[in-house]
Amino acid sequence: MSALFQSRENLEKHGVCIRVLGDLTLLPLDLQQHIARAVVATRTHNKCFLNVCFAYTSRHEIANAVREMAWGVEQGLIKSR
């Protein structure tokens, strides 16, 4: 991932947006930080997308989405009915 991030000019030139799905907490912290920087740095690119799925299951993704929505309701960011 760090080699990919080091070629930032190519990512910008080709408009590559990096998206990562899955449970990144299974990775070492330094790698999590590299991934986060790459995702943030390319978030506005929209010509092509590089989807990286790591320890990914749809069940995990749905459970995580529900947790985030519940947090949003608690914080007043999302209104419940």
Protein backbone atom coordinates (compact mmCIF):
# COMPACT_ATOMS: atom_id res chain seq x y z
CA MET A 1 0.00 0.00 0.00
CA SER A 2 2.84 2.41 0.74
CA ALA A 3 4.32 1.81 -2.74
CA LEU A 4 0.94 2.65 -4.25
CA PHE A 5 0.67 5.80 -2.17
CA GLN A 6 4.20 6.85 -3.19
CA SER A 7 3.07 6.93 -6.83
CA ARG A 8 0.65 9.70 -5.96
CA GLU A 9 1.32 11.54 -9.21
CA ASN A 10 0.07 8.54 -11.19
CA LEU A 11 -3.03 8.28 -9.01
CA GLU A 12 -3.78 11.94 -9.66
CA LYS A 13 -2.93 11.72 -13.37
CA HIS A 14 -5.32 8.82 -13.90
CA GLY A 15 -7.96 10.02 -11.42
CA VAL A 16 -7.80 6.86 -9.29
CA CYS A 17 -9.99 6.82 -6.19
CA ILE A 18 -8.94 4.20 -3.62
CA ARG A 19 -11.74 2.64 -1.58
CA VAL A 20 -11.17 0.03 1.12
CA LEU A 21 -13.82 -2.24 2.62
CA GLY A 22 -13.56 -4.69 5.47
CA ASP A 23 -12.23 -4.93 8.99
CA LEU A 24 -9.03 -2.91 8.93
CA THR A 25 -8.59 -3.32 12.67
CA LEU A 26 -7.06 -6.71 11.85
CA LEU A 27 -4.10 -4.89 10.27
CA PRO A 28 -1.13 -3.31 12.07
CA LEU A 29 -1.72 0.32 13.03
CA ASP A 30 0.95 1.71 10.69
CA LEU A 31 -0.68 -0.02 7.72
CA GLN A 32 -4.10 1.26 8.79
CA GLN A 33 -2.64 4.78 8.77
CA HIS A 34 -1.12 4.33 5.29
CA ILE A 35 -4.46 3.12 3.98
CA ALA A 36 -6.32 6.02 5.59
CA ARG A 37 -3.94 8.54 4.00
CA ALA A 38 -4.34 6.93 0.57
CA VAL A 39 -8.13 6.92 0.84
CA VAL A 40 -8.26 10.55 1.96
CA ALA A 41 -5.75 11.71 -0.66
CA THR A 42 -7.73 10.14 -3.51
CA ARG A 43 -11.30 10.69 -2.31
CA THR A 44 -12.07 13.39 -4.91
CA HIS A 45 -10.73 11.41 -7.87
CA ASN A 46 -13.47 10.00 -10.07
CA LYS A 47 -12.06 8.56 -13.30
CA CYS A 48 -11.51 5.04 -12.00
CA PHE A 49 -11.87 3.25 -8.70
CA LEU A 50 -9.61 0.78 -6.96
CA ASN A 51 -11.70 -1.24 -4.52
CA VAL A 52 -9.70 -3.18 -1.96
CA CYS A 53 -11.62 -5.70 0.13
CA PHE A 54 -9.84 -6.95 3.22
CA ALA A 55 -11.37 -9.46 5.63
CA TYR A 56 -14.65 -8.44 4.05
CA THR A 57 -18.03 -10.03 4.49
CA SER A 58 -21.35 -8.43 3.71
CA ARG A 59 -22.48 -9.35 7.23
CA HIS A 60 -19.62 -7.35 8.71
CA GLU A 61 -20.36 -4.40 6.42
CA ILE A 62 -24.08 -4.39 7.32
CA ALA A 63 -23.34 -4.67 11.06
CA ASN A 64 -20.85 -1.83 10.81
CA ALA A 65 -23.35 0.35 8.90
CA VAL A 66 -26.01 -0.27 11.55
CA ARG A 67 -23.55 0.65 14.33
CA GLU A 68 -22.61 3.86 12.52
CA MET A 69 -26.27 4.78 11.97
CA ALA A 70 -27.05 4.15 15.65
CA TRP A 71 -24.12 6.38 16.60
CA GLY A 72 -25.45 9.05 14.21
CA VAL A 73 -28.85 8.92 15.92
CA GLU A 74 -27.22 9.19 19.36
CA GLN A 75 -25.21 12.21 18.21
CA GLY A 76 -28.28 13.88 16.69
CA LEU A 77 -26.84 13.66 13.18
CA ILE A 78 -29.64 11.34 12.04
CA LYS A 79 -33.25 11.74 13.13
CA SER A 80 -35.13 8.65 14.21
CA ARG A 81 -38.85 8.34 13.53
